[in-house]
Amino acid sequence: MKELDLSQQSGGCGSNSTSVRLMRFWLESGGNQTVKIIAQQGVQADEVEMWATVMQERGVKVLKKELVDGKVVYEVYLP
């Protein structure tokens, strides 16, 4: 399973924002697969959830969400 660890990167806006990094990861890794996304608790995790909610109409689904070592780990299906 491919993995995107957002917790290692500082937040920001523009090309460094969480949503842009998620879209770039989707484009680079391709669709029709389940991926793991790791986010810091708080704002970064909220941004992942907002992105997934907006992208639901495109087929993105959060399959699993759990707290591991103070980080939020998602399993997300990318169509």
PDB file of N, CA and C in Angstrom:
ATOM      1  N   MET A   1       0.847  -1.171   0.000  1.00  0.00           N
ATOM      2  CA  MET A   1       0.000   0.000   0.000  1.00  0.00           C
ATOM      3  C   MET A   1       0.896   1.239   0.000  1.00  0.00           C
ATOM      4  N   LYS A   2       0.619   2.162  -0.901  1.00  0.00           N
ATOM      5  CA  LYS A   2       1.384   3.408  -0.968  1.00  0.00           C
ATOM      6  C   LYS A   2       0.993   4.290   0.211  1.00  0.00           C
ATOM      7  N   GLU A   3       1.922   5.158   0.601  1.00  0.00           N
ATOM      8  CA  GLU A   3       1.733   5.964   1.798  1.00  0.00           C
ATOM      9  C   GLU A   3       2.150   7.411   1.552  1.00  0.00           C
ATOM     10  N   LEU A   4       1.354   8.333   2.093  1.00  0.00           N
ATOM     11  CA  LEU A   4       1.690   9.753   2.076  1.00  0.00           C
ATOM     12  C   LEU A   4       1.729  10.218   3.523  1.00  0.00           C
ATOM     13  N   ASP A   5       2.906  10.606   3.993  1.00  0.00           N
ATOM     14  CA  ASP A   5       3.064  11.061   5.373  1.00  0.00           C
ATOM     15  C   ASP A   5       3.085  12.584   5.391  1.00  0.00           C
ATOM     16  N   LEU A   6       1.937  13.166   5.640  1.00  0.00           N
ATOM     17  CA  LEU A   6       1.818  14.620   5.697  1.00  0.00           C
ATOM     18  C   LEU A   6       2.395  15.178   6.992  1.00  0.00           C
ATOM     19  N   SER A   7       2.498  14.340   8.015  1.00  0.00           N
ATOM     20  CA  SER A   7       2.949  14.811   9.326  1.00  0.00           C
ATOM     21  C   SER A   7       4.406  15.264   9.312  1.00  0.00           C
ATOM     22  N   GLN A   8       5.175  14.838   8.330  1.00  0.00           N
ATOM     23  CA  GLN A   8       6.583  15.219   8.230  1.00  0.00           C
ATOM     24  C   GLN A   8       6.779  16.565   7.533  1.00  0.00           C
ATOM     25  N   GLN A   9       5.694  17.117   6.999  1.00  0.00           N
ATOM     26  CA  GLN A   9       5.792  18.360   6.239  1.00  0.00           C
ATOM     27  C   GLN A   9       5.068  19.473   6.974  1.00  0.00           C
ATOM     28  N   SER A  10       5.623  20.651   6.901  1.00  0.00           N
ATOM     29  CA  SER A  10       4.955  21.786   7.519  1.00  0.00           C
ATOM     30  C   SER A  10       3.765  22.187   6.666  1.00  0.00           C
ATOM     31  N   GLY A  11       2.771  22.724   7.313  1.00  0.00           N
ATOM     32  CA  GLY A  11       1.591  23.183   6.585  1.00  0.00           C
ATOM     33  C   GLY A  11       1.905  24.424   5.786  1.00  0.00           C
ATOM     34  N   GLY A  12       0.928  24.915   5.125  1.00  0.00           N
ATOM     35  CA  GLY A  12       1.140  26.114   4.340  1.00  0.00           C
ATOM     36  C   GLY A  12      -0.040  26.351   3.437  1.00  0.00           C
ATOM     37  N   CYS A  13       0.146  27.261   2.532  1.00  0.00           N
ATOM     38  CA  CYS A  13      -0.914  27.522   1.576  1.00  0.00           C
ATOM     39  C   CYS A  13      -0.312  27.443   0.175  1.00  0.00           C
ATOM     40  N   GLY A  14      -1.154  27.525  -0.800  1.00  0.00           N
ATOM     41  CA  GLY A  14      -0.673  27.432  -2.173  1.00  0.00           C
ATOM     42  C   GLY A  14      -0.238  26.030  -2.511  1.00  0.00           C
ATOM     43  N   SER A  15       0.917  25.893  -3.138  1.00  0.00           N
ATOM     44  CA  SER A  15       1.374  24.584  -3.611  1.00  0.00           C
ATOM     45  C   SER A  15       1.819  23.667  -2.477  1.00  0.00           C
ATOM     46  N   ASN A  16       1.948  24.195  -1.268  1.00  0.00           N
ATOM     47  CA  ASN A  16       2.358  23.379  -0.124  1.00  0.00           C
ATOM     48  C   ASN A  16       1.179  22.997   0.772  1.00  0.00           C
ATOM     49  N   SER A  17      -0.036  23.336   0.366  1.00  0.00           N
ATOM     50  CA  SER A  17      -1.202  23.044   1.198  1.00  0.00           C
ATOM     51  C   SER A  17      -1.500  21.548   1.206  1.00  0.00           C
ATOM     52  N   THR A  18      -2.213  21.123   2.224  1.00  0.00           N
ATOM     53  CA  THR A  18      -2.566  19.709   2.362  1.00  0.00           C
ATOM     54  C   THR A  18      -3.359  19.221   1.164  1.00  0.00           C
ATOM     55  N   SER A  19      -4.343  19.986   0.729  1.00  0.00           N
ATOM     56  CA  SER A  19      -5.186  19.534  -0.383  1.00  0.00           C
ATOM     57  C   SER A  19      -4.397  19.411  -1.684  1.00  0.00           C
ATOM     58  N   VAL A  20      -3.466  20.315  -1.930  1.00  0.00           N
ATOM     59  CA  VAL A  20      -2.650  20.232  -3.146  1.00  0.00           C
ATOM     60  C   VAL A  20      -1.715  19.029  -3.070  1.00  0.00           C
ATOM     61  N   ARG A  21      -1.140  18.773  -1.901  1.00  0.00           N
ATOM     62  CA  ARG A  21      -0.270  17.602  -1.750  1.00  0.00           C
ATOM     63  C   ARG A  21      -1.056  16.308  -1.945  1.00  0.00           C
ATOM     64  N   LEU A  22      -2.298  16.274  -1.453  1.00  0.00           N
ATOM     65  CA  LEU A  22      -3.143  15.090  -1.650  1.00  0.00           C
ATOM     66  C   LEU A  22      -3.461  14.880  -3.127  1.00  0.00           C
ATOM     67  N   MET A  23      -3.806  15.949  -3.824  1.00  0.00           N
ATOM     68  CA  MET A  23      -4.114  15.837  -5.258  1.00  0.00           C
ATOM     69  C   MET A  23      -2.878  15.406  -6.040  1.00  0.00           C
ATOM     70  N   ARG A  24      -1.721  15.968  -5.724  1.00  0.00           N
ATOM     71  CA  ARG A  24      -0.477  15.613  -6.404  1.00  0.00           C
ATOM     72  C   ARG A  24      -0.148  14.134  -6.174  1.00  0.00           C
ATOM     73  N   PHE A  25      -0.324  13.676  -4.940  1.00  0.00           N
ATOM     74  CA  PHE A  25      -0.078  12.268  -4.616  1.00  0.00           C
ATOM     75  C   PHE A  25      -1.004  11.361  -5.417  1.00  0.00           C
ATOM     76  N   TRP A  26      -2.271  11.735  -5.523  1.00  0.00           N
ATOM     77  CA  TRP A  26      -3.258  10.964  -6.282  1.00  0.00           C
ATOM     78  C   TRP A  26      -2.835  10.877  -7.749  1.00  0.00           C
ATOM     79  N   LEU A  27      -2.447  12.004  -8.324  1.00  0.00           N
ATOM     80  CA  LEU A  27      -2.033  12.024  -9.731  1.00  0.00           C
ATOM     81  C   LEU A  27      -0.755  11.222  -9.963  1.00  0.00           C
ATOM     82  N   GLU A  28       0.198  11.328  -9.048  1.00  0.00           N
ATOM     83  CA  GLU A  28       1.470  10.625  -9.216  1.00  0.00           C
ATOM     84  C   GLU A  28       1.352   9.122  -8.985  1.00  0.00           C
ATOM     85  N   SER A  29       0.521   8.722  -8.024  1.00  0.00           N
ATOM     86  CA  SER A  29       0.435   7.295  -7.693  1.00  0.00           C
ATOM     87  C   SER A  29      -0.655   6.576  -8.473  1.00  0.00           C
ATOM     88  N   GLY A  30      -1.580   7.333  -9.059  1.00  0.00           N
ATOM     89  CA  GLY A  30      -2.648   6.718  -9.836  1.00  0.00           C
ATOM     90  C   GLY A  30      -3.849   6.354  -8.980  1.00  0.00           C
ATOM     91  N   GLY A  31      -4.897   5.941  -9.657  1.00  0.00           N
ATOM     92  CA  GLY A  31      -6.134   5.621  -8.963  1.00  0.00           C
ATOM     93  C   GLY A  31      -6.379   4.134  -8.860  1.00  0.00           C
ATOM     94  N   ASN A  32      -7.604   3.797  -8.484  1.00  0.00           N
ATOM     95  CA  ASN A  32      -8.057   2.417  -8.327  1.00  0.00           C
ATOM     96  C   ASN A  32      -7.195   1.662  -7.321  1.00  0.00           C
ATOM     97  N   GLN A  33      -6.934   2.308  -6.179  1.00  0.00           N
ATOM     98  CA  GLN A  33      -6.133   1.682  -5.133  1.00  0.00           C
ATOM     99  C   GLN A  33      -6.448   2.299  -3.775  1.00  0.00           C
ATOM    100  N   THR A  34      -6.077   1.576  -2.744  1.00  0.00           N
ATOM    101  CA  THR A  34      -6.195   2.070  -1.378  1.00  0.00           C
ATOM    102  C   THR A  34      -4.820   2.548  -0.936  1.00  0.00           C
ATOM    103  N   VAL A  35      -4.777   3.730  -0.321  1.00  0.00           N
ATOM    104  CA  VAL A  35      -3.521   4.316   0.131  1.00  0.00           C
ATOM    105  C   VAL A  35      -3.622   4.675   1.608  1.00  0.00           C
ATOM    106  N   LYS A  36      -2.463   4.840   2.229  1.00  0.00           N
ATOM    107  CA  LYS A  36      -2.405   5.253   3.628  1.00  0.00           C
ATOM    108  C   LYS A  36      -1.972   6.709   3.670  1.00  0.00           C
ATOM    109  N   ILE A  37      -2.706   7.514   4.433  1.00  0.00           N
ATOM    110  CA  ILE A  37      -2.372   8.924   4.607  1.00  0.00           C
ATOM    111  C   ILE A  37      -2.189   9.171   6.100  1.00  0.00           C
ATOM    112  N   ILE A  38      -1.052   9.735   6.459  1.00  0.00           N
ATOM    113  CA  ILE A  38      -0.736  10.010   7.857  1.00  0.00           C
ATOM    114  C   ILE A  38      -0.733  11.522   8.050  1.00  0.00           C
ATOM    115  N   ALA A  39      -1.498  11.981   9.053  1.00  0.00           N
ATOM    116  CA  ALA A  39      -1.617  13.417   9.301  1.00  0.00           C
ATOM    117  C   ALA A  39      -1.449  13.703  10.787  1.00  0.00           C
ATOM    118  N   GLN A  40      -1.030  14.912  11.090  1.00  0.00           N
ATOM    119  CA  GLN A  40      -0.966  15.357  12.477  1.00  0.00           C
ATOM    120  C   GLN A  40      -2.388  15.590  12.962  1.00  0.00           C
ATOM    121  N   GLN A  41      -2.606  15.340  14.259  1.00  0.00           N
ATOM    122  CA  GLN A  41      -3.914  15.631  14.835  1.00  0.00           C
ATOM    123  C   GLN A  41      -4.176  17.128  14.745  1.00  0.00           C
ATOM    124  N   GLY A  42      -5.426  17.496  14.643  1.00  0.00           N
ATOM    125  CA  GLY A  42      -5.780  18.904  14.609  1.00  0.00           C
ATOM    126  C   GLY A  42      -6.068  19.382  13.205  1.00  0.00           C
ATOM    127  N   VAL A  43      -5.495  20.516  12.858  1.00  0.00           N
ATOM    128  CA  VAL A  43      -5.793  21.179  11.593  1.00  0.00           C
ATOM    129  C   VAL A  43      -5.467  20.294  10.397  1.00  0.00           C
ATOM    130  N   GLN A  44      -4.324  19.622  10.412  1.00  0.00           N
ATOM    131  CA  GLN A  44      -3.936  18.805   9.261  1.00  0.00           C
ATOM    132  C   GLN A  44      -4.923  17.651   9.043  1.00  0.00           C
ATOM    133  N   ALA A  45      -5.335  16.989  10.120  1.00  0.00           N
ATOM    134  CA  ALA A  45      -6.318  15.909  10.001  1.00  0.00           C
ATOM    135  C   ALA A  45      -7.659  16.463   9.517  1.00  0.00           C
ATOM    136  N   ASP A  46      -8.040  17.634  10.008  1.00  0.00           N
ATOM    137  CA  ASP A  46      -9.281  18.271   9.551  1.00  0.00           C
ATOM    138  C   ASP A  46      -9.223  18.560   8.054  1.00  0.00           C
ATOM    139  N   GLU A  47      -8.065  19.005   7.571  1.00  0.00           N
ATOM    140  CA  GLU A  47      -7.911  19.302   6.143  1.00  0.00           C
ATOM    141  C   GLU A  47      -8.021  18.036   5.297  1.00  0.00           C
ATOM    142  N   VAL A  48      -7.470  16.924   5.786  1.00  0.00           N
ATOM    143  CA  VAL A  48      -7.593  15.652   5.063  1.00  0.00           C
ATOM    144  C   VAL A  48      -9.065  15.253   4.980  1.00  0.00           C
ATOM    145  N   GLU A  49      -9.785  15.385   6.089  1.00  0.00           N
ATOM    146  CA  GLU A  49     -11.198  15.008   6.102  1.00  0.00           C
ATOM    147  C   GLU A  49     -12.038  15.919   5.208  1.00  0.00           C
ATOM    148  N   MET A  50     -11.735  17.215   5.211  1.00  0.00           N
ATOM    149  CA  MET A  50     -12.470  18.132   4.329  1.00  0.00           C
ATOM    150  C   MET A  50     -12.210  17.797   2.869  1.00  0.00           C
ATOM    151  N   TRP A  51     -10.957  17.500   2.520  1.00  0.00           N
ATOM    152  CA  TRP A  51     -10.614  17.125   1.144  1.00  0.00           C
ATOM    153  C   TRP A  51     -11.364  15.865   0.742  1.00  0.00           C
ATOM    154  N   ALA A  52     -11.360  14.856   1.619  1.00  0.00           N
ATOM    155  CA  ALA A  52     -12.038  13.593   1.313  1.00  0.00           C
ATOM    156  C   ALA A  52     -13.536  13.810   1.140  1.00  0.00           C
ATOM    157  N   THR A  53     -14.121  14.678   1.949  1.00  0.00           N
ATOM    158  CA  THR A  53     -15.550  14.968   1.837  1.00  0.00           C
ATOM    159  C   THR A  53     -15.866  15.623   0.498  1.00  0.00           C
ATOM    160  N   VAL A  54     -15.063  16.601   0.119  1.00  0.00           N
ATOM    161  CA  VAL A  54     -15.273  17.291  -1.160  1.00  0.00           C
ATOM    162  C   VAL A  54     -15.072  16.334  -2.334  1.00  0.00           C
ATOM    163  N   MET A  55     -14.101  15.431  -2.223  1.00  0.00           N
ATOM    164  CA  MET A  55     -13.772  14.521  -3.320  1.00  0.00           C
ATOM    165  C   MET A  55     -14.648  13.266  -3.352  1.00  0.00           C
ATOM    166  N   GLN A  56     -15.592  13.137  -2.418  1.00  0.00           N
ATOM    167  CA  GLN A  56     -16.501  11.988  -2.420  1.00  0.00           C
ATOM    168  C   GLN A  56     -17.251  11.862  -3.735  1.00  0.00           C
ATOM    169  N   GLU A  57     -17.643  12.985  -4.299  1.00  0.00           N
ATOM    170  CA  GLU A  57     -18.380  12.937  -5.567  1.00  0.00           C
ATOM    171  C   GLU A  57     -17.516  12.403  -6.704  1.00  0.00           C
ATOM    172  N   ARG A  58     -16.197  12.393  -6.517  1.00  0.00           N
ATOM    173  CA  ARG A  58     -15.267  11.819  -7.501  1.00  0.00           C
ATOM    174  C   ARG A  58     -14.934  10.366  -7.183  1.00  0.00           C
ATOM    175  N   GLY A  59     -15.482   9.853  -6.076  1.00  0.00           N
ATOM    176  CA  GLY A  59     -15.279   8.453  -5.725  1.00  0.00           C
ATOM    177  C   GLY A  59     -14.285   8.189  -4.612  1.00  0.00           C
ATOM    178  N   VAL A  60     -13.703   9.243  -4.033  1.00  0.00           N
ATOM    179  CA  VAL A  60     -12.766   9.070  -2.919  1.00  0.00           C
ATOM    180  C   VAL A  60     -13.551   8.623  -1.684  1.00  0.00           C
ATOM    181  N   LYS A  61     -13.020   7.616  -0.977  1.00  0.00           N
ATOM    182  CA  LYS A  61     -13.697   7.100   0.216  1.00  0.00           C
ATOM    183  C   LYS A  61     -12.687   6.886   1.335  1.00  0.00           C
ATOM    184  N   VAL A  62     -13.016   7.375   2.530  1.00  0.00           N
ATOM    185  CA  VAL A  62     -12.209   7.070   3.711  1.00  0.00           C
ATOM    186  C   VAL A  62     -12.694   5.724   4.226  1.00  0.00           C
ATOM    187  N   LEU A  63     -11.826   4.715   4.170  1.00  0.00           N
ATOM    188  CA  LEU A  63     -12.189   3.366   4.574  1.00  0.00           C
ATOM    189  C   LEU A  63     -11.918   3.114   6.050  1.00  0.00           C
ATOM    190  N   LYS A  64     -10.907   3.789   6.584  1.00  0.00           N
ATOM    191  CA  LYS A  64     -10.511   3.542   7.967  1.00  0.00           C
ATOM    192  C   LYS A  64      -9.800   4.773   8.501  1.00  0.00           C
ATOM    193  N   LYS A  65     -10.028   5.053   9.777  1.00  0.00           N
ATOM    194  CA  LYS A  65      -9.358   6.176  10.438  1.00  0.00           C
ATOM    195  C   LYS A  65      -8.988   5.707  11.835  1.00  0.00           C
ATOM    196  N   GLU A  66      -7.716   5.868  12.201  1.00  0.00           N
ATOM    197  CA  GLU A  66      -7.304   5.480  13.545  1.00  0.00           C
ATOM    198  C   GLU A  66      -6.200   6.394  14.053  1.00  0.00           C
ATOM    199  N   LEU A  67      -6.085   6.467  15.366  1.00  0.00           N
ATOM    200  CA  LEU A  67      -5.062   7.271  16.012  1.00  0.00           C
ATOM    201  C   LEU A  67      -3.899   6.358  16.390  1.00  0.00           C
ATOM    202  N   VAL A  68      -2.711   6.651  15.855  1.00  0.00           N
ATOM    203  CA  VAL A  68      -1.521   5.839  16.109  1.00  0.00           C
ATOM    204  C   VAL A  68      -0.370   6.764  16.500  1.00  0.00           C
ATOM    205  N   ASP A  69       0.140   6.589  17.705  1.00  0.00           N
ATOM    206  CA  ASP A  69       1.283   7.390  18.182  1.00  0.00           C
ATOM    207  C   ASP A  69       1.060   8.890  18.017  1.00  0.00           C
ATOM    208  N   GLY A  70      -0.128   9.356  18.325  1.00  0.00           N
ATOM    209  CA  GLY A  70      -0.427  10.778  18.256  1.00  0.00           C
ATOM    210  C   GLY A  70      -0.676  11.321  16.866  1.00  0.00           C
ATOM    211  N   LYS A  71      -0.728  10.433  15.867  1.00  0.00           N
ATOM    212  CA  LYS A  71      -1.014  10.845  14.491  1.00  0.00           C
ATOM    213  C   LYS A  71      -2.289  10.157  14.024  1.00  0.00           C
ATOM    214  N   VAL A  72      -2.974  10.778  13.089  1.00  0.00           N
ATOM    215  CA  VAL A  72      -4.183  10.194  12.522  1.00  0.00           C
ATOM    216  C   VAL A  72      -3.794   9.472  11.239  1.00  0.00           C
ATOM    217  N   VAL A  73      -4.119   8.183  11.178  1.00  0.00           N
ATOM    218  CA  VAL A  73      -3.775   7.360  10.020  1.00  0.00           C
ATOM    219  C   VAL A  73      -5.067   6.989   9.304  1.00  0.00           C
ATOM    220  N   TYR A  74      -5.129   7.338   8.031  1.00  0.00           N
ATOM    221  CA  TYR A  74      -6.302   7.059   7.205  1.00  0.00           C
ATOM    222  C   TYR A  74      -5.957   6.003   6.166  1.00  0.00           C
ATOM    223  N   GLU A  75      -6.917   5.150   5.873  1.00  0.00           N
ATOM    224  CA  GLU A  75      -6.853   4.322   4.674  1.00  0.00           C
ATOM    225  C   GLU A  75      -7.916   4.896   3.755  1.00  0.00           C
ATOM    226  N   VAL A  76      -7.490   5.326   2.578  1.00  0.00           N
ATOM    227  CA  VAL A  76      -8.371   6.034   1.653  1.00  0.00           C
ATOM    228  C   VAL A  76      -8.352   5.330   0.303  1.00  0.00           C
ATOM    229  N   TYR A  77      -9.540   5.134  -0.257  1.00  0.00           N
ATOM    230  CA  TYR A  77      -9.640   4.580  -1.611  1.00  0.00           C
ATOM    231  C   TYR A  77      -9.610   5.731  -2.599  1.00  0.00           C
ATOM    232  N   LEU A  78      -8.693   5.660  -3.554  1.00  0.00           N
ATOM    233  CA  LEU A  78      -8.607   6.644  -4.635  1.00  0.00           C
ATOM    234  C   LEU A  78      -9.084   5.976  -5.917  1.00  0.00           C
ATOM    235  N   PRO A  79     -10.148   6.477  -6.524  1.00  0.00           N
ATOM    236  CA  PRO A  79     -10.683   5.846  -7.739  1.00  0.00           C
ATOM    237  C   PRO A  79      -9.784   6.052  -8.954  1.00  0.00           C
TER     238      PRO A  79
END
